[in-house]
Amino acid sequence: MKQLELHKQIDVFFKAGVRSAKADLALSLISNEDAKRYFFSRADENWLTWLWQNKFFEPLKKKAEDPTRYSYRLPELEYLTRMAEKDPVMVTSIIESIPVSQGTFNPEVVDRFMW
């Protein structure tokens, strides 16, 4: 699917609302990095719990490919940063659910959580 078409489909997905949202459809829409960035940029605070319950923050639990470098490429972190102003209690719960250990160390995640 062309990028503009993906963006239109993502807009339709969010316009339908959280009550009619299907996780498998959302996952199919974020088929590449551009679409994933657009997806998280369109989500507002109404989607925070839904995204967490449907495991859209799982990439934050993965070890960095190169733990010696910061890449700032995870749109999930950008979204959580925006949502911290709107629902700090929920964002704190999400942060607490992400394990940070030697086996999952990602400096980008740690840095953004500290921020």
PDB file of N, CA and C in Angstrom:
ATOM      1  N   MET A   1       0.849  -1.171   0.000  1.00  0.00           N
ATOM      2  CA  MET A   1       0.000   0.000   0.000  1.00  0.00           C
ATOM      3  C   MET A   1       0.901   1.242   0.000  1.00  0.00           C
ATOM      4  N   LYS A   2       0.572   2.199  -0.775  1.00  0.00           N
ATOM      5  CA  LYS A   2       1.346   3.430  -0.800  1.00  0.00           C
ATOM      6  C   LYS A   2       1.198   4.162   0.528  1.00  0.00           C
ATOM      7  N   GLN A   3       2.212   4.953   0.860  1.00  0.00           N
ATOM      8  CA  GLN A   3       2.228   5.636   2.146  1.00  0.00           C
ATOM      9  C   GLN A   3       1.033   6.549   2.363  1.00  0.00           C
ATOM     10  N   LEU A   4       0.661   7.311   1.363  1.00  0.00           N
ATOM     11  CA  LEU A   4      -0.498   8.201   1.540  1.00  0.00           C
ATOM     12  C   LEU A   4      -1.774   7.409   1.803  1.00  0.00           C
ATOM     13  N   GLU A   5      -1.900   6.294   1.145  1.00  0.00           N
ATOM     14  CA  GLU A   5      -3.069   5.441   1.376  1.00  0.00           C
ATOM     15  C   GLU A   5      -3.041   4.869   2.796  1.00  0.00           C
ATOM     16  N   LEU A   6      -1.866   4.465   3.250  1.00  0.00           N
ATOM     17  CA  LEU A   6      -1.735   3.981   4.632  1.00  0.00           C
ATOM     18  C   LEU A   6      -2.126   5.079   5.625  1.00  0.00           C
ATOM     19  N   HIS A   7      -1.671   6.287   5.365  1.00  0.00           N
ATOM     20  CA  HIS A   7      -2.007   7.400   6.252  1.00  0.00           C
ATOM     21  C   HIS A   7      -3.518   7.634   6.271  1.00  0.00           C
ATOM     22  N   LYS A   8      -4.158   7.553   5.128  1.00  0.00           N
ATOM     23  CA  LYS A   8      -5.617   7.723   5.071  1.00  0.00           C
ATOM     24  C   LYS A   8      -6.319   6.629   5.865  1.00  0.00           C
ATOM     25  N   GLN A   9      -5.841   5.389   5.741  1.00  0.00           N
ATOM     26  CA  GLN A   9      -6.439   4.273   6.470  1.00  0.00           C
ATOM     27  C   GLN A   9      -6.246   4.441   7.980  1.00  0.00           C
ATOM     28  N   ILE A  10      -5.090   4.952   8.372  1.00  0.00           N
ATOM     29  CA  ILE A  10      -4.838   5.215   9.791  1.00  0.00           C
ATOM     30  C   ILE A  10      -5.791   6.291  10.305  1.00  0.00           C
ATOM     31  N   ASP A  11      -6.010   7.325   9.504  1.00  0.00           N
ATOM     32  CA  ASP A  11      -6.973   8.366   9.894  1.00  0.00           C
ATOM     33  C   ASP A  11      -8.371   7.788  10.060  1.00  0.00           C
ATOM     34  N   VAL A  12      -8.770   6.911   9.163  1.00  0.00           N
ATOM     35  CA  VAL A  12     -10.082   6.256   9.254  1.00  0.00           C
ATOM     36  C   VAL A  12     -10.157   5.413  10.526  1.00  0.00           C
ATOM     37  N   PHE A  13      -9.092   4.697  10.815  1.00  0.00           N
ATOM     38  CA  PHE A  13      -9.029   3.863  12.021  1.00  0.00           C
ATOM     39  C   PHE A  13      -9.280   4.712  13.266  1.00  0.00           C
ATOM     40  N   PHE A  14      -8.572   5.830  13.395  1.00  0.00           N
ATOM     41  CA  PHE A  14      -8.738   6.673  14.581  1.00  0.00           C
ATOM     42  C   PHE A  14     -10.082   7.383  14.609  1.00  0.00           C
ATOM     43  N   LYS A  15     -10.581   7.744  13.458  1.00  0.00           N
ATOM     44  CA  LYS A  15     -11.881   8.418  13.392  1.00  0.00           C
ATOM     45  C   LYS A  15     -13.008   7.499  13.875  1.00  0.00           C
ATOM     46  N   ALA A  16     -12.872   6.197  13.637  1.00  0.00           N
ATOM     47  CA  ALA A  16     -13.896   5.233  14.067  1.00  0.00           C
ATOM     48  C   ALA A  16     -13.989   5.146  15.587  1.00  0.00           C
ATOM     49  N   GLY A  17     -12.917   5.466  16.267  1.00  0.00           N
ATOM     50  CA  GLY A  17     -12.949   5.498  17.725  1.00  0.00           C
ATOM     51  C   GLY A  17     -12.429   4.247  18.385  1.00  0.00           C
ATOM     52  N   VAL A  18     -12.079   4.420  19.630  1.00  0.00           N
ATOM     53  CA  VAL A  18     -11.452   3.352  20.396  1.00  0.00           C
ATOM     54  C   VAL A  18     -12.404   2.176  20.636  1.00  0.00           C
ATOM     55  N   ARG A  19     -13.687   2.443  20.721  1.00  0.00           N
ATOM     56  CA  ARG A  19     -14.654   1.363  20.995  1.00  0.00           C
ATOM     57  C   ARG A  19     -14.763   0.356  19.857  1.00  0.00           C
ATOM     58  N   SER A  20     -14.511   0.791  18.645  1.00  0.00           N
ATOM     59  CA  SER A  20     -14.606  -0.128  17.504  1.00  0.00           C
ATOM     60  C   SER A  20     -13.237  -0.589  17.018  1.00  0.00           C
ATOM     61  N   ALA A  21     -12.189  -0.243  17.738  1.00  0.00           N
ATOM     62  CA  ALA A  21     -10.824  -0.545  17.309  1.00  0.00           C
ATOM     63  C   ALA A  21     -10.507  -2.032  17.411  1.00  0.00           C
ATOM     64  N   LYS A  22      -9.821  -2.520  16.418  1.00  0.00           N
ATOM     65  CA  LYS A  22      -9.352  -3.909  16.366  1.00  0.00           C
ATOM     66  C   LYS A  22      -7.834  -3.890  16.306  1.00  0.00           C
ATOM     67  N   ALA A  23      -7.198  -4.580  17.243  1.00  0.00           N
ATOM     68  CA  ALA A  23      -5.738  -4.571  17.323  1.00  0.00           C
ATOM     69  C   ALA A  23      -5.094  -5.145  16.074  1.00  0.00           C
ATOM     70  N   ASP A  24      -5.675  -6.210  15.515  1.00  0.00           N
ATOM     71  CA  ASP A  24      -5.066  -6.803  14.325  1.00  0.00           C
ATOM     72  C   ASP A  24      -5.104  -5.848  13.139  1.00  0.00           C
ATOM     73  N   LEU A  25      -6.143  -5.055  13.026  1.00  0.00           N
ATOM     74  CA  LEU A  25      -6.214  -4.048  11.958  1.00  0.00           C
ATOM     75  C   LEU A  25      -5.145  -2.981  12.179  1.00  0.00           C
ATOM     76  N   ALA A  26      -5.021  -2.518  13.407  1.00  0.00           N
ATOM     77  CA  ALA A  26      -4.012  -1.496  13.706  1.00  0.00           C
ATOM     78  C   ALA A  26      -2.611  -2.021  13.408  1.00  0.00           C
ATOM     79  N   LEU A  27      -2.334  -3.248  13.793  1.00  0.00           N
ATOM     80  CA  LEU A  27      -1.018  -3.828  13.510  1.00  0.00           C
ATOM     81  C   LEU A  27      -0.751  -3.922  12.014  1.00  0.00           C
ATOM     82  N   SER A  28      -1.774  -4.213  11.240  1.00  0.00           N
ATOM     83  CA  SER A  28      -1.580  -4.296   9.789  1.00  0.00           C
ATOM     84  C   SER A  28      -1.324  -2.919   9.185  1.00  0.00           C
ATOM     85  N   LEU A  29      -1.819  -1.876   9.830  1.00  0.00           N
ATOM     86  CA  LEU A  29      -1.624  -0.517   9.328  1.00  0.00           C
ATOM     87  C   LEU A  29      -0.220   0.013   9.597  1.00  0.00           C
ATOM     88  N   ILE A  30       0.423  -0.493  10.628  1.00  0.00           N
ATOM     89  CA  ILE A  30       1.767  -0.011  10.952  1.00  0.00           C
ATOM     90  C   ILE A  30       2.816  -0.970  10.385  1.00  0.00           C
ATOM     91  N   SER A  31       2.718  -1.171   9.088  1.00  0.00           N
ATOM     92  CA  SER A  31       3.551  -2.150   8.398  1.00  0.00           C
ATOM     93  C   SER A  31       4.958  -1.666   8.085  1.00  0.00           C
ATOM     94  N   ASN A  32       5.232  -0.397   8.304  1.00  0.00           N
ATOM     95  CA  ASN A  32       6.585   0.115   8.102  1.00  0.00           C
ATOM     96  C   ASN A  32       6.820   1.276   9.070  1.00  0.00           C
ATOM     97  N   GLU A  33       8.061   1.749   9.144  1.00  0.00           N
ATOM     98  CA  GLU A  33       8.412   2.781  10.125  1.00  0.00           C
ATOM     99  C   GLU A  33       7.650   4.085   9.926  1.00  0.00           C
ATOM    100  N   ASP A  34       7.479   4.507   8.682  1.00  0.00           N
ATOM    101  CA  ASP A  34       6.737   5.744   8.430  1.00  0.00           C
ATOM    102  C   ASP A  34       5.296   5.621   8.920  1.00  0.00           C
ATOM    103  N   ALA A  35       4.652   4.525   8.599  1.00  0.00           N
ATOM    104  CA  ALA A  35       3.266   4.316   9.022  1.00  0.00           C
ATOM    105  C   ALA A  35       3.170   4.238  10.544  1.00  0.00           C
ATOM    106  N   LYS A  36       4.145   3.606  11.168  1.00  0.00           N
ATOM    107  CA  LYS A  36       4.153   3.500  12.629  1.00  0.00           C
ATOM    108  C   LYS A  36       4.301   4.881  13.266  1.00  0.00           C
ATOM    109  N   ARG A  37       5.193   5.701  12.729  1.00  0.00           N
ATOM    110  CA  ARG A  37       5.355   7.062  13.248  1.00  0.00           C
ATOM    111  C   ARG A  37       4.064   7.863  13.083  1.00  0.00           C
ATOM    112  N   TYR A  38       3.447   7.739  11.923  1.00  0.00           N
ATOM    113  CA  TYR A  38       2.193   8.463  11.673  1.00  0.00           C
ATOM    114  C   TYR A  38       1.095   7.968  12.619  1.00  0.00           C
ATOM    115  N   PHE A  39       1.005   6.660  12.785  1.00  0.00           N
ATOM    116  CA  PHE A  39       0.006   6.055  13.665  1.00  0.00           C
ATOM    117  C   PHE A  39       0.102   6.650  15.071  1.00  0.00           C
ATOM    118  N   PHE A  40       1.302   6.637  15.650  1.00  0.00           N
ATOM    119  CA  PHE A  40       1.458   7.152  17.013  1.00  0.00           C
ATOM    120  C   PHE A  40       1.296   8.670  17.080  1.00  0.00           C
ATOM    121  N   SER A  41       1.565   9.366  15.986  1.00  0.00           N
ATOM    122  CA  SER A  41       1.362  10.817  15.998  1.00  0.00           C
ATOM    123  C   SER A  41      -0.121  11.169  15.972  1.00  0.00           C
ATOM    124  N   ARG A  42      -0.957  10.297  15.461  1.00  0.00           N
ATOM    125  CA  ARG A  42      -2.399  10.549  15.366  1.00  0.00           C
ATOM    126  C   ARG A  42      -3.154  10.116  16.625  1.00  0.00           C
ATOM    127  N   ALA A  43      -2.565   9.237  17.418  1.00  0.00           N
ATOM    128  CA  ALA A  43      -3.234   8.749  18.630  1.00  0.00           C
ATOM    129  C   ALA A  43      -3.245   9.837  19.692  1.00  0.00           C
ATOM    130  N   ASP A  44      -4.395  10.029  20.309  1.00  0.00           N
ATOM    131  CA  ASP A  44      -4.484  10.992  21.398  1.00  0.00           C
ATOM    132  C   ASP A  44      -4.612  10.248  22.723  1.00  0.00           C
ATOM    133  N   GLU A  45      -4.895  10.978  23.784  1.00  0.00           N
ATOM    134  CA  GLU A  45      -4.952  10.370  25.118  1.00  0.00           C
ATOM    135  C   GLU A  45      -6.069   9.339  25.267  1.00  0.00           C
ATOM    136  N   ASN A  46      -7.088   9.395  24.425  1.00  0.00           N
ATOM    137  CA  ASN A  46      -8.169   8.413  24.489  1.00  0.00           C
ATOM    138  C   ASN A  46      -7.699   7.011  24.129  1.00  0.00           C
ATOM    139  N   TRP A  47      -6.566   6.913  23.473  1.00  0.00           N
ATOM    140  CA  TRP A  47      -6.040   5.627  23.010  1.00  0.00           C
ATOM    141  C   TRP A  47      -4.993   5.031  23.935  1.00  0.00           C
ATOM    142  N   LEU A  48      -4.572   5.749  24.951  1.00  0.00           N
ATOM    143  CA  LEU A  48      -3.472   5.314  25.799  1.00  0.00           C
ATOM    144  C   LEU A  48      -3.709   3.943  26.421  1.00  0.00           C
ATOM    145  N   THR A  49      -4.816   3.763  27.091  1.00  0.00           N
ATOM    146  CA  THR A  49      -5.113   2.479  27.734  1.00  0.00           C
ATOM    147  C   THR A  49      -5.272   1.375  26.697  1.00  0.00           C
ATOM    148  N   TRP A  50      -5.970   1.656  25.612  1.00  0.00           N
ATOM    149  CA  TRP A  50      -6.171   0.657  24.553  1.00  0.00           C
ATOM    150  C   TRP A  50      -4.834   0.196  23.984  1.00  0.00           C
ATOM    151  N   LEU A  51      -3.952   1.131  23.716  1.00  0.00           N
ATOM    152  CA  LEU A  51      -2.636   0.773  23.161  1.00  0.00           C
ATOM    153  C   LEU A  51      -1.849  -0.087  24.145  1.00  0.00           C
ATOM    154  N   TRP A  52      -1.931   0.245  25.427  1.00  0.00           N
ATOM    155  CA  TRP A  52      -1.215  -0.540  26.441  1.00  0.00           C
ATOM    156  C   TRP A  52      -1.824  -1.940  26.562  1.00  0.00           C
ATOM    157  N   GLN A  53      -3.149  -2.009  26.663  1.00  0.00           N
ATOM    158  CA  GLN A  53      -3.812  -3.304  26.808  1.00  0.00           C
ATOM    159  C   GLN A  53      -3.607  -4.212  25.595  1.00  0.00           C
ATOM    160  N   ASN A  54      -3.415  -3.617  24.439  1.00  0.00           N
ATOM    161  CA  ASN A  54      -3.224  -4.404  23.210  1.00  0.00           C
ATOM    162  C   ASN A  54      -1.753  -4.551  22.834  1.00  0.00           C
ATOM    163  N   LYS A  55      -0.887  -4.283  23.793  1.00  0.00           N
ATOM    164  CA  LYS A  55       0.545  -4.573  23.696  1.00  0.00           C
ATOM    165  C   LYS A  55       1.292  -3.789  22.615  1.00  0.00           C
ATOM    166  N   PHE A  56       0.882  -2.574  22.365  1.00  0.00           N
ATOM    167  CA  PHE A  56       1.566  -1.745  21.378  1.00  0.00           C
ATOM    168  C   PHE A  56       2.869  -1.142  21.919  1.00  0.00           C
ATOM    169  N   PHE A  57       3.131  -1.327  23.213  1.00  0.00           N
ATOM    170  CA  PHE A  57       4.380  -0.833  23.791  1.00  0.00           C
ATOM    171  C   PHE A  57       5.407  -1.942  23.977  1.00  0.00           C
ATOM    172  N   GLU A  58       5.140  -3.113  23.440  1.00  0.00           N
ATOM    173  CA  GLU A  58       6.070  -4.240  23.548  1.00  0.00           C
ATOM    174  C   GLU A  58       7.455  -3.941  22.975  1.00  0.00           C
ATOM    175  N   PRO A  59       7.575  -3.172  21.895  1.00  0.00           N
ATOM    176  CA  PRO A  59       8.926  -2.877  21.384  1.00  0.00           C
ATOM    177  C   PRO A  59       9.830  -2.204  22.420  1.00  0.00           C
ATOM    178  N   LEU A  60       9.250  -1.574  23.418  1.00  0.00           N
ATOM    179  CA  LEU A  60      10.047  -0.926  24.458  1.00  0.00           C
ATOM    180  C   LEU A  60      10.723  -1.939  25.369  1.00  0.00           C
ATOM    181  N   LYS A  61      10.294  -3.181  25.309  1.00  0.00           N
ATOM    182  CA  LYS A  61      10.859  -4.236  26.146  1.00  0.00           C
ATOM    183  C   LYS A  61      12.036  -4.953  25.479  1.00  0.00           C
ATOM    184  N   LYS A  62      12.307  -4.599  24.244  1.00  0.00           N
ATOM    185  CA  LYS A  62      13.374  -5.279  23.510  1.00  0.00           C
ATOM    186  C   LYS A  62      14.720  -4.606  23.725  1.00  0.00           C
ATOM    187  N   LYS A  63      15.745  -5.426  23.751  1.00  0.00           N
ATOM    188  CA  LYS A  63      17.103  -4.918  23.876  1.00  0.00           C
ATOM    189  C   LYS A  63      17.482  -4.145  22.612  1.00  0.00           C
ATOM    190  N   ALA A  64      18.221  -3.078  22.781  1.00  0.00           N
ATOM    191  CA  ALA A  64      18.683  -2.284  21.645  1.00  0.00           C
ATOM    192  C   ALA A  64      19.644  -3.103  20.787  1.00  0.00           C
ATOM    193  N   GLU A  65      19.584  -2.884  19.486  1.00  0.00           N
ATOM    194  CA  GLU A  65      20.520  -3.561  18.591  1.00  0.00           C
ATOM    195  C   GLU A  65      21.954  -3.204  18.952  1.00  0.00           C
ATOM    196  N   ASP A  66      22.195  -1.940  19.245  1.00  0.00           N
ATOM    197  CA  ASP A  66      23.511  -1.474  19.673  1.00  0.00           C
ATOM    198  C   ASP A  66      23.319  -0.650  20.943  1.00  0.00           C
ATOM    199  N   PRO A  67      23.515  -1.265  22.122  1.00  0.00           N
ATOM    200  CA  PRO A  67      23.249  -0.555  23.377  1.00  0.00           C
ATOM    201  C   PRO A  67      24.246   0.555  23.695  1.00  0.00           C
ATOM    202  N   THR A  68      25.218   0.792  22.829  1.00  0.00           N
ATOM    203  CA  THR A  68      26.172   1.875  23.065  1.00  0.00           C
ATOM    204  C   THR A  68      25.759   3.156  22.358  1.00  0.00           C
ATOM    205  N   ARG A  69      24.651   3.096  21.594  1.00  0.00           N
ATOM    206  CA  ARG A  69      24.198   4.261  20.830  1.00  0.00           C
ATOM    207  C   ARG A  69      22.755   4.612  21.159  1.00  0.00           C
ATOM    208  N   TYR A  70      22.471   5.892  21.139  1.00  0.00           N
ATOM    209  CA  TYR A  70      21.106   6.394  21.266  1.00  0.00           C
ATOM    210  C   TYR A  70      20.610   6.681  19.861  1.00  0.00           C
ATOM    211  N   SER A  71      19.423   6.207  19.520  1.00  0.00           N
ATOM    212  CA  SER A  71      18.946   6.429  18.165  1.00  0.00           C
ATOM    213  C   SER A  71      17.693   7.307  18.102  1.00  0.00           C
ATOM    214  N   TYR A  72      16.928   7.369  19.151  1.00  0.00           N
ATOM    215  CA  TYR A  72      15.691   8.156  19.196  1.00  0.00           C
ATOM    216  C   TYR A  72      14.822   7.880  17.973  1.00  0.00           C
ATOM    217  N   ARG A  73      14.421   6.658  17.844  1.00  0.00           N
ATOM    218  CA  ARG A  73      13.626   6.265  16.688  1.00  0.00           C
ATOM    219  C   ARG A  73      12.318   5.587  17.059  1.00  0.00           C
ATOM    220  N   LEU A  74      12.054   5.376  18.319  1.00  0.00           N
ATOM    221  CA  LEU A  74      10.849   4.656  18.729  1.00  0.00           C
ATOM    222  C   LEU A  74       9.665   5.609  18.884  1.00  0.00           C
ATOM    223  N   PRO A  75       8.689   5.539  17.986  1.00  0.00           N
ATOM    224  CA  PRO A  75       7.530   6.429  18.086  1.00  0.00           C
ATOM    225  C   PRO A  75       6.695   6.179  19.336  1.00  0.00           C
ATOM    226  N   GLU A  76       6.795   4.979  19.901  1.00  0.00           N
ATOM    227  CA  GLU A  76       6.067   4.691  21.132  1.00  0.00           C
ATOM    228  C   GLU A  76       6.535   5.623  22.255  1.00  0.00           C
ATOM    229  N   LEU A  77       7.835   5.923  22.274  1.00  0.00           N
ATOM    230  CA  LEU A  77       8.369   6.818  23.301  1.00  0.00           C
ATOM    231  C   LEU A  77       7.925   8.256  23.079  1.00  0.00           C
ATOM    232  N   GLU A  78       7.875   8.664  21.829  1.00  0.00           N
ATOM    233  CA  GLU A  78       7.368  10.005  21.524  1.00  0.00           C
ATOM    234  C   GLU A  78       5.923  10.139  22.003  1.00  0.00           C
ATOM    235  N   TYR A  79       5.134   9.114  21.737  1.00  0.00           N
ATOM    236  CA  TYR A  79       3.728   9.120  22.155  1.00  0.00           C
ATOM    237  C   TYR A  79       3.624   9.205  23.681  1.00  0.00           C
ATOM    238  N   LEU A  80       4.382   8.366  24.386  1.00  0.00           N
ATOM    239  CA  LEU A  80       4.313   8.380  25.847  1.00  0.00           C
ATOM    240  C   LEU A  80       4.776   9.723  26.413  1.00  0.00           C
ATOM    241  N   THR A  81       5.745  10.346  25.772  1.00  0.00           N
ATOM    242  CA  THR A  81       6.194  11.662  26.218  1.00  0.00           C
ATOM    243  C   THR A  81       5.047  12.672  26.116  1.00  0.00           C
ATOM    244  N   ARG A  82       4.335  12.638  24.993  1.00  0.00           N
ATOM    245  CA  ARG A  82       3.180  13.539  24.829  1.00  0.00           C
ATOM    246  C   ARG A  82       2.092  13.235  25.851  1.00  0.00           C
ATOM    247  N   MET A  83       1.854  11.960  26.104  1.00  0.00           N
ATOM    248  CA  MET A  83       0.768  11.563  26.992  1.00  0.00           C
ATOM    249  C   MET A  83       1.088  11.799  28.459  1.00  0.00           C
ATOM    250  N   ALA A  84       2.367  11.944  28.806  1.00  0.00           N
ATOM    251  CA  ALA A  84       2.747  12.183  30.201  1.00  0.00           C
ATOM    252  C   ALA A  84       2.120  13.458  30.734  1.00  0.00           C
ATOM    253  N   GLU A  85       1.900  14.431  29.870  1.00  0.00           N
ATOM    254  CA  GLU A  85       1.252  15.673  30.282  1.00  0.00           C
ATOM    255  C   GLU A  85      -0.249  15.489  30.489  1.00  0.00           C
ATOM    256  N   LYS A  86      -0.828  14.578  29.752  1.00  0.00           N
ATOM    257  CA  LYS A  86      -2.287  14.387  29.791  1.00  0.00           C
ATOM    258  C   LYS A  86      -2.719  13.384  30.853  1.00  0.00           C
ATOM    259  N   ASP A  87      -1.941  12.298  31.018  1.00  0.00           N
ATOM    260  CA  ASP A  87      -2.303  11.253  31.970  1.00  0.00           C
ATOM    261  C   ASP A  87      -1.036  10.678  32.611  1.00  0.00           C
ATOM    262  N   PRO A  88      -0.421  11.454  33.505  1.00  0.00           N
ATOM    263  CA  PRO A  88       0.845  11.018  34.094  1.00  0.00           C
ATOM    264  C   PRO A  88       0.740   9.724  34.906  1.00  0.00           C
ATOM    265  N   VAL A  89      -0.397   9.476  35.509  1.00  0.00           N
ATOM    266  CA  VAL A  89      -0.565   8.261  36.309  1.00  0.00           C
ATOM    267  C   VAL A  89      -0.521   7.022  35.402  1.00  0.00           C
ATOM    268  N   MET A  90      -1.225   7.069  34.292  1.00  0.00           N
ATOM    269  CA  MET A  90      -1.236   5.932  33.371  1.00  0.00           C
ATOM    270  C   MET A  90       0.144   5.735  32.748  1.00  0.00           C
ATOM    271  N   VAL A  91       0.782   6.817  32.347  1.00  0.00           N
ATOM    272  CA  VAL A  91       2.120   6.705  31.748  1.00  0.00           C
ATOM    273  C   VAL A  91       3.094   6.117  32.763  1.00  0.00           C
ATOM    274  N   THR A  92       2.982   6.511  34.016  1.00  0.00           N
ATOM    275  CA  THR A  92       3.827   5.938  35.063  1.00  0.00           C
ATOM    276  C   THR A  92       3.592   4.439  35.183  1.00  0.00           C
ATOM    277  N   SER A  93       2.345   4.010  35.128  1.00  0.00           N
ATOM    278  CA  SER A  93       2.036   2.570  35.182  1.00  0.00           C
ATOM    279  C   SER A  93       2.652   1.833  34.002  1.00  0.00           C
ATOM    280  N   ILE A  94       2.592   2.430  32.834  1.00  0.00           N
ATOM    281  CA  ILE A  94       3.182   1.806  31.644  1.00  0.00           C
ATOM    282  C   ILE A  94       4.694   1.714  31.809  1.00  0.00           C
ATOM    283  N   ILE A  95       5.324   2.790  32.258  1.00  0.00           N
ATOM    284  CA  ILE A  95       6.771   2.780  32.467  1.00  0.00           C
ATOM    285  C   ILE A  95       7.157   1.687  33.454  1.00  0.00           C
ATOM    286  N   GLU A  96       6.406   1.578  34.539  1.00  0.00           N
ATOM    287  CA  GLU A  96       6.702   0.558  35.549  1.00  0.00           C
ATOM    288  C   GLU A  96       6.534  -0.863  35.014  1.00  0.00           C
ATOM    289  N   SER A  97       5.751  -1.043  33.950  1.00  0.00           N
ATOM    290  CA  SER A  97       5.531  -2.380  33.394  1.00  0.00           C
ATOM    291  C   SER A  97       6.626  -2.795  32.404  1.00  0.00           C
ATOM    292  N   ILE A  98       7.531  -1.885  32.072  1.00  0.00           N
ATOM    293  CA  ILE A  98       8.600  -2.172  31.119  1.00  0.00           C
ATOM    294  C   ILE A  98       9.841  -2.577  31.898  1.00  0.00           C
ATOM    295  N   PRO A  99      10.276  -3.832  31.752  1.00  0.00           N
ATOM    296  CA  PRO A  99      11.470  -4.262  32.497  1.00  0.00           C
ATOM    297  C   PRO A  99      12.738  -3.616  31.927  1.00  0.00           C
ATOM    298  N   VAL A 100      13.578  -3.161  32.817  1.00  0.00           N
ATOM    299  CA  VAL A 100      14.872  -2.628  32.415  1.00  0.00           C
ATOM    300  C   VAL A 100      15.920  -3.477  33.131  1.00  0.00           C
ATOM    301  N   SER A 101      16.643  -4.249  32.345  1.00  0.00           N
ATOM    302  CA  SER A 101      17.668  -5.131  32.888  1.00  0.00           C
ATOM    303  C   SER A 101      18.792  -5.250  31.864  1.00  0.00           C
ATOM    304  N   GLN A 102      19.812  -5.970  32.213  1.00  0.00           N
ATOM    305  CA  GLN A 102      20.913  -6.168  31.283  1.00  0.00           C
ATOM    306  C   GLN A 102      20.422  -6.874  30.016  1.00  0.00           C
ATOM    307  N   GLY A 103      19.471  -7.783  30.161  1.00  0.00           N
ATOM    308  CA  GLY A 103      18.947  -8.522  29.022  1.00  0.00           C
ATOM    309  C   GLY A 103      18.021  -7.732  28.120  1.00  0.00           C
ATOM    310  N   THR A 104      17.493  -6.618  28.624  1.00  0.00           N
ATOM    311  CA  THR A 104      16.566  -5.809  27.826  1.00  0.00           C
ATOM    312  C   THR A 104      17.044  -4.371  27.675  1.00  0.00           C
ATOM    313  N   PHE A 105      18.302  -4.115  27.991  1.00  0.00           N
ATOM    314  CA  PHE A 105      18.785  -2.735  28.051  1.00  0.00           C
ATOM    315  C   PHE A 105      18.692  -2.027  26.704  1.00  0.00           C
ATOM    316  N   ASN A 106      18.013  -0.887  26.737  1.00  0.00           N
ATOM    317  CA  ASN A 106      17.907  -0.015  25.572  1.00  0.00           C
ATOM    318  C   ASN A 106      18.116   1.407  26.094  1.00  0.00           C
ATOM    319  N   PRO A 107      19.252   2.023  25.764  1.00  0.00           N
ATOM    320  CA  PRO A 107      19.521   3.357  26.316  1.00  0.00           C
ATOM    321  C   PRO A 107      18.475   4.395  25.938  1.00  0.00           C
ATOM    322  N   GLU A 108      17.872   4.259  24.774  1.00  0.00           N
ATOM    323  CA  GLU A 108      16.827   5.203  24.364  1.00  0.00           C
ATOM    324  C   GLU A 108      15.642   5.131  25.320  1.00  0.00           C
ATOM    325  N   VAL A 109      15.221   3.920  25.662  1.00  0.00           N
ATOM    326  CA  VAL A 109      14.091   3.732  26.581  1.00  0.00           C
ATOM    327  C   VAL A 109      14.423   4.310  27.959  1.00  0.00           C
ATOM    328  N   VAL A 110      15.590   3.975  28.472  1.00  0.00           N
ATOM    329  CA  VAL A 110      15.983   4.472  29.787  1.00  0.00           C
ATOM    330  C   VAL A 110      16.048   5.991  29.784  1.00  0.00           C
ATOM    331  N   ASP A 111      16.673   6.570  28.769  1.00  0.00           N
ATOM    332  CA  ASP A 111      16.808   8.020  28.680  1.00  0.00           C
ATOM    333  C   ASP A 111      15.445   8.706  28.636  1.00  0.00           C
ATOM    334  N   ARG A 112      14.552   8.199  27.820  1.00  0.00           N
ATOM    335  CA  ARG A 112      13.231   8.830  27.691  1.00  0.00           C
ATOM    336  C   ARG A 112      12.398   8.645  28.950  1.00  0.00           C
ATOM    337  N   PHE A 113      12.534   7.493  29.612  1.00  0.00           N
ATOM    338  CA  PHE A 113      11.811   7.292  30.872  1.00  0.00           C
ATOM    339  C   PHE A 113      12.318   8.259  31.937  1.00  0.00           C
ATOM    340  N   MET A 114      13.614   8.482  31.964  1.00  0.00           N
ATOM    341  CA  MET A 114      14.173   9.424  32.933  1.00  0.00           C
ATOM    342  C   MET A 114      13.718  10.854  32.607  1.00  0.00           C
ATOM    343  N   TRP A 115      13.602  11.173  31.342  1.00  0.00           N
ATOM    344  CA  TRP A 115      13.159  12.490  30.907  1.00  0.00           C
ATOM    345  C   TRP A 115      11.771  12.766  31.431  1.00  0.00           C
TER     346      TRP A 115
END
